Amino acid sequence: MPKYAQYDHMAAEPRPVLGYYDTDFATYPSLPAAEDLIELSPIQWTERTGNDQIAAGGLLQVRPAPIPSTIQSAAAELATRIAAGVAIVSTGNSALNATYALDAVTLDQLGPVARDFASGLGLPGMAGTFTYPDAASVPRIFTGIEIQALYQAMRDMLLVLNTEAAKMANSMVPNWPVQSKTIV
């Protein structure tokens, strides 16, 4: 006995599947009109996925994945770019040349150190240098001036990335920067 998927043939395509009928399993007093049914093969019956199915052109099909909104696309692109970090090239200390994380934790840790040094409070523990890891977890040794420059480069890169993501979210064409900065 046949198995069916029911849809409303009068609805606009793609038409949602409204239900399934297994005439081997149950005897129905009546079935929907023939034009609202698609007979299913044994494989289609076994692989039916409920709400993931639509009727289009009289055939049962898998519902296409929704297209992400511009806001979702912008958020995903921003997250990818933040995860990539920023490549730093130091003109004064090549030992600092590396890619550094752009995540909130990194900026939350470096920001106060850079601001304290700039305000005259010095580096933590009144040390002459400050050690902080790059994105690959390699410890790098910074002077106060270098940590200020690193933080400023990271802060400025995040500003540009967020600005371009906002453009993208508002259906404007972003001008994504090369994620590299030169510091002292």
N, C-alpha and C. Protein backbone atom coordinates (compact mmCIF):
# COMPACT_ATOMS: atom_id res chain seq x y z
N MET A 1 0.84 -1.17 0.00
CA MET A 1 0.00 0.00 0.00
C MET A 1 0.89 1.24 0.00
N PRO A 2 0.43 2.31 -0.60
CA PRO A 2 1.28 3.50 -0.73
C PRO A 2 1.40 4.30 0.57
N LYS A 3 2.45 5.10 0.58
CA LYS A 3 2.71 6.06 1.65
C LYS A 3 2.74 7.44 0.97
N TYR A 4 2.24 8.47 1.70
CA TYR A 4 2.08 9.78 1.09
C TYR A 4 2.64 10.90 1.98
N ALA A 5 3.02 11.97 1.32
CA ALA A 5 3.26 13.25 1.98
C ALA A 5 2.14 14.17 1.54
N GLN A 6 1.58 14.90 2.49
CA GLN A 6 0.48 15.82 2.16
C GLN A 6 1.00 17.24 2.11
N TYR A 7 0.51 18.01 1.14
CA TYR A 7 0.79 19.44 1.04
C TYR A 7 -0.45 20.12 0.48
N ASP A 8 -0.47 21.44 0.49
CA ASP A 8 -1.60 22.20 -0.05
C ASP A 8 -1.21 22.67 -1.45
N HIS A 9 -1.78 22.05 -2.47
CA HIS A 9 -1.39 22.37 -3.85
C HIS A 9 -1.77 23.80 -4.23
N MET A 10 -2.60 24.48 -3.44
CA MET A 10 -3.01 25.85 -3.73
C MET A 10 -2.02 26.87 -3.11
N ALA A 11 -1.18 26.44 -2.20
CA ALA A 11 -0.22 27.35 -1.55
C ALA A 11 0.90 27.70 -2.52
N ALA A 12 1.56 28.81 -2.26
CA ALA A 12 2.69 29.23 -3.09
C ALA A 12 3.87 28.29 -2.85
N GLU A 13 4.62 28.04 -3.91
CA GLU A 13 5.82 27.20 -3.77
C GLU A 13 6.94 28.01 -3.15
N PRO A 14 7.80 27.36 -2.40
CA PRO A 14 7.75 25.96 -2.01
C PRO A 14 6.69 25.74 -0.94
N ARG A 15 6.00 24.63 -1.05
CA ARG A 15 4.87 24.32 -0.17
C ARG A 15 5.33 23.45 0.99
N PRO A 16 4.98 23.80 2.22
CA PRO A 16 5.39 22.96 3.35
C PRO A 16 4.63 21.63 3.33
N VAL A 17 5.31 20.59 3.79
CA VAL A 17 4.66 19.29 3.97
C VAL A 17 3.81 19.40 5.23
N LEU A 18 2.55 19.03 5.12
CA LEU A 18 1.60 19.16 6.23
C LEU A 18 1.48 17.89 7.05
N GLY A 19 1.84 16.76 6.46
CA GLY A 19 1.74 15.50 7.19
C GLY A 19 2.09 14.33 6.30
N TYR A 20 2.12 13.16 6.91
CA TYR A 20 2.46 11.93 6.21
C TYR A 20 1.38 10.89 6.48
N TYR A 21 1.14 10.04 5.50
CA TYR A 21 0.15 8.97 5.64
C TYR A 21 0.80 7.66 5.25
N ASP A 22 0.68 6.67 6.14
CA ASP A 22 1.19 5.32 5.89
C ASP A 22 -0.02 4.40 5.82
N THR A 23 -0.44 4.04 4.62
CA THR A 23 -1.64 3.21 4.47
C THR A 23 -1.37 1.75 4.79
N ASP A 24 -0.11 1.37 4.98
CA ASP A 24 0.21 0.02 5.47
C ASP A 24 -0.03 -0.06 6.98
N PHE A 25 0.21 1.04 7.67
CA PHE A 25 0.14 1.07 9.12
C PHE A 25 -1.28 1.32 9.62
N ALA A 26 -2.01 2.19 8.91
CA ALA A 26 -3.34 2.57 9.39
C ALA A 26 -4.31 2.62 8.22
N THR A 27 -5.57 2.41 8.56
CA THR A 27 -6.65 2.56 7.58
C THR A 27 -7.30 3.91 7.87
N TYR A 28 -7.27 4.78 6.88
CA TYR A 28 -7.83 6.12 7.05
C TYR A 28 -9.23 6.15 6.44
N PRO A 29 -10.19 6.75 7.16
CA PRO A 29 -11.54 6.82 6.61
C PRO A 29 -11.55 7.59 5.28
N SER A 30 -10.68 8.57 5.17
CA SER A 30 -10.52 9.28 3.89
C SER A 30 -9.14 9.92 3.89
N LEU A 31 -8.61 10.11 2.72
CA LEU A 31 -7.32 10.77 2.55
C LEU A 31 -7.58 12.14 1.94
N PRO A 32 -6.61 13.05 2.06
CA PRO A 32 -6.77 14.33 1.37
C PRO A 32 -6.90 14.11 -0.14
N ALA A 33 -7.31 15.15 -0.83
CA ALA A 33 -7.47 15.07 -2.29
C ALA A 33 -6.17 14.63 -2.93
N ALA A 34 -6.26 13.91 -4.01
CA ALA A 34 -5.08 13.37 -4.71
C ALA A 34 -4.09 14.46 -5.10
N GLU A 35 -4.60 15.67 -5.48
CA GLU A 35 -3.69 16.75 -5.88
C GLU A 35 -2.90 17.32 -4.70
N ASP A 36 -3.27 16.93 -3.46
CA ASP A 36 -2.55 17.37 -2.27
C ASP A 36 -1.64 16.29 -1.71
N LEU A 37 -1.43 15.21 -2.47
CA LEU A 37 -0.60 14.10 -2.00
C LEU A 37 0.53 13.81 -2.97
N ILE A 38 1.65 13.44 -2.42
CA ILE A 38 2.77 12.94 -3.21
C ILE A 38 3.03 11.53 -2.73
N GLU A 39 2.98 10.58 -3.64
CA GLU A 39 3.27 9.20 -3.26
C GLU A 39 4.78 9.07 -3.06
N LEU A 40 5.14 8.44 -1.96
CA LEU A 40 6.56 8.31 -1.59
C LEU A 40 7.08 6.92 -1.88
N SER A 41 8.32 6.87 -2.33
CA SER A 41 8.99 5.58 -2.49
C SER A 41 9.37 5.07 -1.10
N PRO A 42 9.71 3.78 -0.98
CA PRO A 42 10.15 3.28 0.33
C PRO A 42 11.35 4.05 0.89
N ILE A 43 12.26 4.46 0.02
CA ILE A 43 13.44 5.23 0.48
C ILE A 43 13.01 6.61 0.97
N GLN A 44 12.13 7.29 0.21
CA GLN A 44 11.64 8.60 0.64
C GLN A 44 10.93 8.50 1.98
N TRP A 45 10.14 7.44 2.15
CA TRP A 45 9.42 7.28 3.42
C TRP A 45 10.41 7.11 4.57
N THR A 46 11.41 6.27 4.36
CA THR A 46 12.40 6.00 5.41
C THR A 46 13.21 7.26 5.73
N GLU A 47 13.51 8.06 4.71
CA GLU A 47 14.37 9.23 4.91
C GLU A 47 13.61 10.54 5.13
N ARG A 48 12.29 10.47 5.29
CA ARG A 48 11.54 11.71 5.47
C ARG A 48 12.03 12.41 6.75
N THR A 49 12.05 13.70 6.72
CA THR A 49 12.62 14.45 7.84
C THR A 49 11.66 15.50 8.37
N GLY A 50 10.37 15.26 8.28
CA GLY A 50 9.39 16.17 8.88
C GLY A 50 9.43 17.56 8.29
N ASN A 51 9.75 18.54 9.10
CA ASN A 51 9.72 19.94 8.68
C ASN A 51 10.83 20.31 7.72
N ASP A 52 11.77 19.41 7.47
CA ASP A 52 12.84 19.70 6.52
C ASP A 52 12.41 19.41 5.09
N GLN A 53 11.18 18.98 4.89
CA GLN A 53 10.69 18.62 3.56
C GLN A 53 9.74 19.68 3.03
N ILE A 54 9.79 19.90 1.73
CA ILE A 54 8.84 20.77 1.04
C ILE A 54 8.36 20.07 -0.21
N ALA A 55 7.25 20.54 -0.73
CA ALA A 55 6.75 20.05 -2.01
C ALA A 55 6.94 21.16 -3.02
N ALA A 56 7.62 20.85 -4.09
CA ALA A 56 7.85 21.83 -5.16
C ALA A 56 7.79 21.09 -6.48
N GLY A 57 6.99 21.61 -7.40
CA GLY A 57 6.86 20.97 -8.70
C GLY A 57 6.28 19.58 -8.61
N GLY A 58 5.47 19.32 -7.58
CA GLY A 58 4.86 18.01 -7.41
C GLY A 58 5.81 16.96 -6.86
N LEU A 59 6.99 17.38 -6.43
CA LEU A 59 7.99 16.45 -5.90
C LEU A 59 8.34 16.82 -4.47
N LEU A 60 8.72 15.83 -3.68
CA LEU A 60 9.17 16.06 -2.33
C LEU A 60 10.65 16.42 -2.38
N GLN A 61 11.03 17.50 -1.71
CA GLN A 61 12.41 17.96 -1.72
C GLN A 61 12.83 18.36 -0.32
N VAL A 62 14.13 18.40 -0.09
CA VAL A 62 14.66 18.89 1.17
C VAL A 62 14.59 20.41 1.14
N ARG A 63 14.11 21.00 2.22
CA ARG A 63 14.01 22.46 2.32
C ARG A 63 15.43 23.04 2.28
N PRO A 64 15.67 24.04 1.41
CA PRO A 64 17.01 24.64 1.38
C PRO A 64 17.31 25.38 2.69
N ALA A 65 18.58 25.42 3.04
CA ALA A 65 18.98 26.13 4.25
C ALA A 65 18.66 27.61 4.09
N PRO A 66 18.24 28.27 5.16
CA PRO A 66 17.93 29.70 5.04
C PRO A 66 19.19 30.50 4.72
N ILE A 67 19.00 31.56 3.98
CA ILE A 67 20.10 32.45 3.64
C ILE A 67 20.36 33.34 4.85
N PRO A 68 21.60 33.40 5.32
CA PRO A 68 21.87 34.24 6.49
C PRO A 68 21.57 35.71 6.19
N SER A 69 21.11 36.42 7.19
CA SER A 69 20.85 37.85 7.03
C SER A 69 22.18 38.58 6.91
N THR A 70 22.14 39.82 6.46
CA THR A 70 23.37 40.61 6.37
C THR A 70 23.98 40.81 7.75
N ILE A 71 23.13 40.91 8.77
CA ILE A 71 23.64 41.06 10.14
C ILE A 71 24.36 39.79 10.57
N GLN A 72 23.77 38.62 10.28
CA GLN A 72 24.42 37.35 10.63
C GLN A 72 25.73 37.18 9.85
N SER A 73 25.70 37.52 8.58
CA SER A 73 26.91 37.40 7.76
C SER A 73 28.01 38.33 8.27
N ALA A 74 27.64 39.56 8.63
CA ALA A 74 28.62 40.51 9.15
C ALA A 74 29.21 40.03 10.46
N ALA A 75 28.37 39.50 11.33
CA ALA A 75 28.84 39.00 12.63
C ALA A 75 29.80 37.82 12.44
N ALA A 76 29.47 36.94 11.51
CA ALA A 76 30.33 35.78 11.25
C ALA A 76 31.67 36.24 10.67
N GLU A 77 31.62 37.19 9.74
CA GLU A 77 32.87 37.70 9.13
C GLU A 77 33.72 38.39 10.19
N LEU A 78 33.10 39.20 11.04
CA LEU A 78 33.83 39.89 12.10
C LEU A 78 34.48 38.87 13.04
N ALA A 79 33.74 37.85 13.43
CA ALA A 79 34.29 36.83 14.33
C ALA A 79 35.49 36.12 13.70
N THR A 80 35.39 35.84 12.40
CA THR A 80 36.51 35.20 11.69
C THR A 80 37.74 36.10 11.68
N ARG A 81 37.52 37.38 11.41
CA ARG A 81 38.65 38.32 11.35
C ARG A 81 39.26 38.56 12.72
N ILE A 82 38.43 38.64 13.75
CA ILE A 82 38.98 38.79 15.10
C ILE A 82 39.79 37.55 15.48
N ALA A 83 39.28 36.38 15.14
CA ALA A 83 39.99 35.14 15.44
C ALA A 83 41.34 35.05 14.72
N ALA A 84 41.46 35.73 13.57
CA ALA A 84 42.72 35.70 12.81
C ALA A 84 43.81 36.53 13.50
N GLY A 85 43.42 37.45 14.38
CA GLY A 85 44.39 38.28 15.08
C GLY A 85 44.97 39.36 14.20
N VAL A 86 46.06 39.95 14.67
CA VAL A 86 46.74 41.01 13.93
C VAL A 86 48.23 40.70 13.90
N ALA A 87 48.81 40.77 12.71
CA ALA A 87 50.25 40.56 12.55
C ALA A 87 50.96 41.86 12.91
N ILE A 88 51.88 41.79 13.84
CA ILE A 88 52.63 42.96 14.29
C ILE A 88 54.06 42.87 13.79
N VAL A 89 54.51 43.98 13.21
CA VAL A 89 55.91 44.10 12.80
C VAL A 89 56.48 45.27 13.60
N SER A 90 57.52 45.01 14.36
CA SER A 90 58.16 46.05 15.16
C SER A 90 59.41 46.55 14.44
N THR A 91 59.48 47.86 14.26
CA THR A 91 60.66 48.46 13.61
C THR A 91 61.85 48.53 14.56
N GLY A 92 61.59 48.44 15.88
CA GLY A 92 62.67 48.57 16.85
C GLY A 92 63.07 47.29 17.54
N ASN A 93 62.22 46.24 17.46
CA ASN A 93 62.51 45.01 18.19
C ASN A 93 61.90 43.84 17.41
N SER A 94 62.67 43.23 16.55
CA SER A 94 62.14 42.15 15.70
C SER A 94 61.68 40.94 16.51
N ALA A 95 62.07 40.84 17.78
CA ALA A 95 61.61 39.73 18.62
C ALA A 95 60.12 39.82 18.90
N LEU A 96 59.52 40.97 18.63
CA LEU A 96 58.08 41.15 18.84
C LEU A 96 57.26 40.81 17.61
N ASN A 97 57.91 40.58 16.48
CA ASN A 97 57.19 40.29 15.23
C ASN A 97 56.45 38.97 15.36
N ALA A 98 55.13 39.06 15.34
CA ALA A 98 54.28 37.88 15.52
C ALA A 98 52.84 38.29 15.29
N THR A 99 51.96 37.29 15.31
CA THR A 99 50.52 37.55 15.27
C THR A 99 50.00 37.51 16.70
N TYR A 100 49.19 38.51 17.04
CA TYR A 100 48.64 38.63 18.38
C TYR A 100 47.12 38.51 18.34
N ALA A 101 46.57 37.93 19.39
CA ALA A 101 45.12 37.75 19.49
C ALA A 101 44.42 39.11 19.58
N LEU A 102 43.20 39.16 19.06
CA LEU A 102 42.38 40.37 19.15
C LEU A 102 41.14 40.16 20.01
N ASP A 103 41.13 39.12 20.81
CA ASP A 103 39.94 38.81 21.61
C ASP A 103 39.82 39.77 22.80
N ALA A 104 38.64 39.77 23.40
CA ALA A 104 38.35 40.68 24.50
C ALA A 104 39.27 40.45 25.69
N VAL A 105 39.60 39.20 25.99
CA VAL A 105 40.47 38.91 27.13
C VAL A 105 41.83 39.56 26.95
N THR A 106 42.40 39.42 25.76
CA THR A 106 43.71 40.01 25.49
C THR A 106 43.68 41.52 25.66
N LEU A 107 42.68 42.16 25.07
CA LEU A 107 42.59 43.62 25.20
C LEU A 107 42.29 44.04 26.63
N ASP A 108 41.50 43.27 27.34
CA ASP A 108 41.22 43.57 28.75
C ASP A 108 42.49 43.45 29.60
N GLN A 109 43.39 42.57 29.22
CA GLN A 109 44.63 42.40 29.98
C GLN A 109 45.67 43.45 29.60
N LEU A 110 45.80 43.75 28.31
CA LEU A 110 46.84 44.68 27.87
C LEU A 110 46.46 46.15 28.07
N GLY A 111 45.16 46.46 27.94
CA GLY A 111 44.73 47.85 28.05
C GLY A 111 45.17 48.54 29.34
N PRO A 112 44.89 47.94 30.50
CA PRO A 112 45.31 48.60 31.76
C PRO A 112 46.84 48.74 31.88
N VAL A 113 47.58 47.76 31.38
CA VAL A 113 49.03 47.84 31.46
C VAL A 113 49.52 49.02 30.62
N ALA A 114 48.99 49.15 29.40
CA ALA A 114 49.40 50.24 28.51
C ALA A 114 48.98 51.60 29.10
N ARG A 115 47.77 51.68 29.61
CA ARG A 115 47.28 52.95 30.17
C ARG A 115 48.04 53.33 31.45
N ASP A 116 48.31 52.33 32.29
CA ASP A 116 49.08 52.63 33.51
C ASP A 116 50.47 53.14 33.16
N PHE A 117 51.10 52.51 32.19
CA PHE A 117 52.45 52.97 31.80
C PHE A 117 52.37 54.39 31.24
N ALA A 118 51.39 54.64 30.40
CA ALA A 118 51.24 55.97 29.80
C ALA A 118 50.96 57.04 30.86
N SER A 119 50.30 56.67 31.95
CA SER A 119 49.97 57.66 33.00
C SER A 119 51.10 57.87 33.99
N GLY A 120 52.20 57.12 33.82
CA GLY A 120 53.35 57.30 34.70
C GLY A 120 53.43 56.29 35.83
N LEU A 121 52.51 55.34 35.86
CA LEU A 121 52.54 54.34 36.93
C LEU A 121 53.55 53.22 36.67
N GLY A 122 54.12 53.17 35.49
CA GLY A 122 55.09 52.14 35.15
C GLY A 122 54.42 50.82 34.79
N LEU A 123 55.24 49.82 34.60
CA LEU A 123 54.76 48.47 34.28
C LEU A 123 54.45 47.74 35.59
N PRO A 124 53.67 46.67 35.54
CA PRO A 124 53.34 45.93 36.77
C PRO A 124 54.60 45.54 37.55
N GLY A 125 54.54 45.74 38.86
CA GLY A 125 55.67 45.41 39.73
C GLY A 125 56.85 46.34 39.55
N MET A 126 56.62 47.47 38.88
CA MET A 126 57.68 48.44 38.58
C MET A 126 58.83 47.81 37.81
N ALA A 127 58.50 46.74 37.07
CA ALA A 127 59.51 46.05 36.26
C ALA A 127 59.87 46.92 35.05
N GLY A 128 61.01 46.63 34.47
CA GLY A 128 61.45 47.35 33.28
C GLY A 128 60.86 46.78 32.00
N THR A 129 60.33 45.56 32.07
CA THR A 129 59.72 44.93 30.90
C THR A 129 58.44 44.21 31.32
N PHE A 130 57.66 43.85 30.32
CA PHE A 130 56.40 43.14 30.54
C PHE A 130 56.34 42.00 29.54
N THR A 131 56.08 40.79 30.00
CA THR A 131 56.03 39.62 29.14
C THR A 131 54.58 39.27 28.86
N TYR A 132 54.29 39.09 27.56
CA TYR A 132 52.93 38.72 27.16
C TYR A 132 53.03 37.80 25.95
N PRO A 133 52.18 36.75 25.89
CA PRO A 133 52.28 35.79 24.77
C PRO A 133 51.61 36.29 23.49
N ASP A 134 52.16 35.86 22.38
CA ASP A 134 51.50 36.11 21.09
C ASP A 134 50.39 35.08 20.90
N ALA A 135 49.76 35.08 19.74
CA ALA A 135 48.62 34.18 19.49
C ALA A 135 49.03 32.71 19.51
N ALA A 136 50.30 32.42 19.28
CA ALA A 136 50.79 31.05 19.32
C ALA A 136 51.31 30.68 20.71
N SER A 137 51.05 31.52 21.69
CA SER A 137 51.46 31.32 23.09
C SER A 137 52.96 31.42 23.32
N VAL A 138 53.67 32.08 22.40
CA VAL A 138 55.10 32.31 22.59
C VAL A 138 55.26 33.58 23.42
N PRO A 139 55.92 33.50 24.57
CA PRO A 139 56.09 34.71 25.39
C PRO A 139 56.97 35.74 24.67
N ARG A 140 56.54 36.98 24.69
CA ARG A 140 57.28 38.09 24.07
C ARG A 140 57.54 39.12 25.17
N ILE A 141 58.72 39.73 25.14
CA ILE A 141 59.12 40.68 26.19
C ILE A 141 59.04 42.09 25.63
N PHE A 142 58.22 42.94 26.27
CA PHE A 142 57.95 44.30 25.82
C PHE A 142 58.47 45.33 26.82
N THR A 143 58.92 46.45 26.28
CA THR A 143 59.15 47.63 27.12
C THR A 143 57.79 48.31 27.29
N GLY A 144 57.72 49.31 28.13
CA GLY A 144 56.48 50.04 28.31
C GLY A 144 56.01 50.71 27.03
N ILE A 145 56.94 51.32 26.32
CA ILE A 145 56.59 51.99 25.04
C ILE A 145 56.08 50.95 24.04
N GLU A 146 56.70 49.78 24.00
CA GLU A 146 56.28 48.74 23.06
C GLU A 146 54.90 48.18 23.41
N ILE A 147 54.61 48.02 24.70
CA ILE A 147 53.29 47.49 25.07
C ILE A 147 52.21 48.51 24.76
N GLN A 148 52.52 49.80 24.93
CA GLN A 148 51.57 50.85 24.53
C GLN A 148 51.31 50.78 23.03
N ALA A 149 52.37 50.62 22.26
CA ALA A 149 52.23 50.57 20.79
C ALA A 149 51.44 49.33 20.37
N LEU A 150 51.69 48.20 21.01
CA LEU A 150 50.95 46.98 20.69
C LEU A 150 49.47 47.17 20.99
N TYR A 151 49.16 47.67 22.18
CA TYR A 151 47.76 47.88 22.55
C TYR A 151 47.08 48.85 21.59
N GLN A 152 47.75 49.94 21.24
CA GLN A 152 47.15 50.91 20.33
C GLN A 152 46.89 50.29 18.97
N ALA A 153 47.83 49.48 18.47
CA ALA A 153 47.65 48.82 17.17
C ALA A 153 46.46 47.86 17.21
N MET A 154 46.35 47.11 18.31
CA MET A 154 45.24 46.16 18.45
C MET A 154 43.90 46.90 18.57
N ARG A 155 43.87 47.93 19.40
CA ARG A 155 42.66 48.72 19.58
C ARG A 155 42.21 49.34 18.26
N ASP A 156 43.15 49.92 17.52
CA ASP A 156 42.83 50.55 16.24
C ASP A 156 42.35 49.52 15.22
N MET A 157 42.95 48.34 15.21
CA MET A 157 42.53 47.29 14.28
C MET A 157 41.10 46.87 14.60
N LEU A 158 40.78 46.69 15.87
CA LEU A 158 39.42 46.32 16.24
C LEU A 158 38.41 47.40 15.86
N LEU A 159 38.79 48.65 15.99
CA LEU A 159 37.90 49.74 15.59
C LEU A 159 37.58 49.63 14.10
N VAL A 160 38.58 49.42 13.28
CA VAL A 160 38.36 49.31 11.83
C VAL A 160 37.53 48.07 11.51
N LEU A 161 37.84 46.94 12.13
CA LEU A 161 37.07 45.72 11.88
C LEU A 161 35.60 45.88 12.26
N ASN A 162 35.35 46.49 13.41
CA ASN A 162 33.97 46.71 13.83
C ASN A 162 33.25 47.69 12.92
N THR A 163 33.95 48.71 12.46
CA THR A 163 33.35 49.68 11.54
C THR A 163 32.98 49.01 10.22
N GLU A 164 33.86 48.18 9.69
CA GLU A 164 33.57 47.50 8.42
C GLU A 164 32.45 46.48 8.58
N ALA A 165 32.40 45.81 9.73
CA ALA A 165 31.30 44.87 9.98
C ALA A 165 29.97 45.61 10.06
N ALA A 166 29.98 46.79 10.65
CA ALA A 166 28.74 47.59 10.71
C ALA A 166 28.29 47.99 9.31
N LYS A 167 29.24 48.34 8.46
CA LYS A 167 28.89 48.65 7.06
C LYS A 167 28.24 47.43 6.41
N MET A 168 28.87 46.27 6.58
CA MET A 168 28.37 45.04 5.98
C MET A 168 26.97 44.71 6.50
N ALA A 169 26.75 44.89 7.80
CA ALA A 169 25.45 44.60 8.40
C ALA A 169 24.36 45.51 7.86
N ASN A 170 24.76 46.68 7.36
CA ASN A 170 23.81 47.64 6.81
C ASN A 170 23.83 47.65 5.29
N SER A 171 24.23 46.51 4.71
CA SER A 171 24.21 46.29 3.26
C SER A 171 25.12 47.23 2.48
N MET A 172 26.15 47.74 3.14
CA MET A 172 27.16 48.53 2.46
C MET A 172 28.35 47.63 2.17
N VAL A 173 29.19 48.02 1.24
CA VAL A 173 30.36 47.22 0.89
C VAL A 173 31.49 47.54 1.88
N PRO A 174 31.93 46.54 2.63
CA PRO A 174 33.03 46.80 3.57
C PRO A 174 34.37 46.89 2.85
N ASN A 175 35.29 47.59 3.46
CA ASN A 175 36.66 47.69 2.95
C ASN A 175 37.56 47.10 4.03
N TRP A 176 37.61 45.77 4.07
CA TRP A 176 38.35 45.08 5.12
C TRP A 176 39.84 45.39 5.01
N PRO A 177 40.48 45.69 6.13
CA PRO A 177 41.91 46.02 6.09
C PRO A 177 42.78 44.77 6.06
N VAL A 178 44.02 44.96 5.66
CA VAL A 178 45.03 43.93 5.86
C VAL A 178 45.29 43.92 7.36
N GLN A 179 45.25 42.75 7.96
CA GLN A 179 45.37 42.69 9.40
C GLN A 179 46.82 42.63 9.84
N SER A 180 47.48 43.75 9.61
CA SER A 180 48.89 43.87 9.95
C SER A 180 49.12 45.32 10.40
N LYS A 181 49.95 45.49 11.42
CA LYS A 181 50.28 46.83 11.91
C LYS A 181 51.77 46.88 12.20
N THR A 182 52.36 48.05 11.98
CA THR A 182 53.76 48.29 12.31
C THR A 182 53.82 49.14 13.55
N ILE A 183 54.65 48.70 14.50
CA ILE A 183 54.83 49.44 15.75
C ILE A 183 56.32 49.74 15.92
N VAL A 184 56.64 50.50 16.99
CA VAL A 184 58.04 50.85 17.29
C VAL A 184 58.82 49.63 17.69
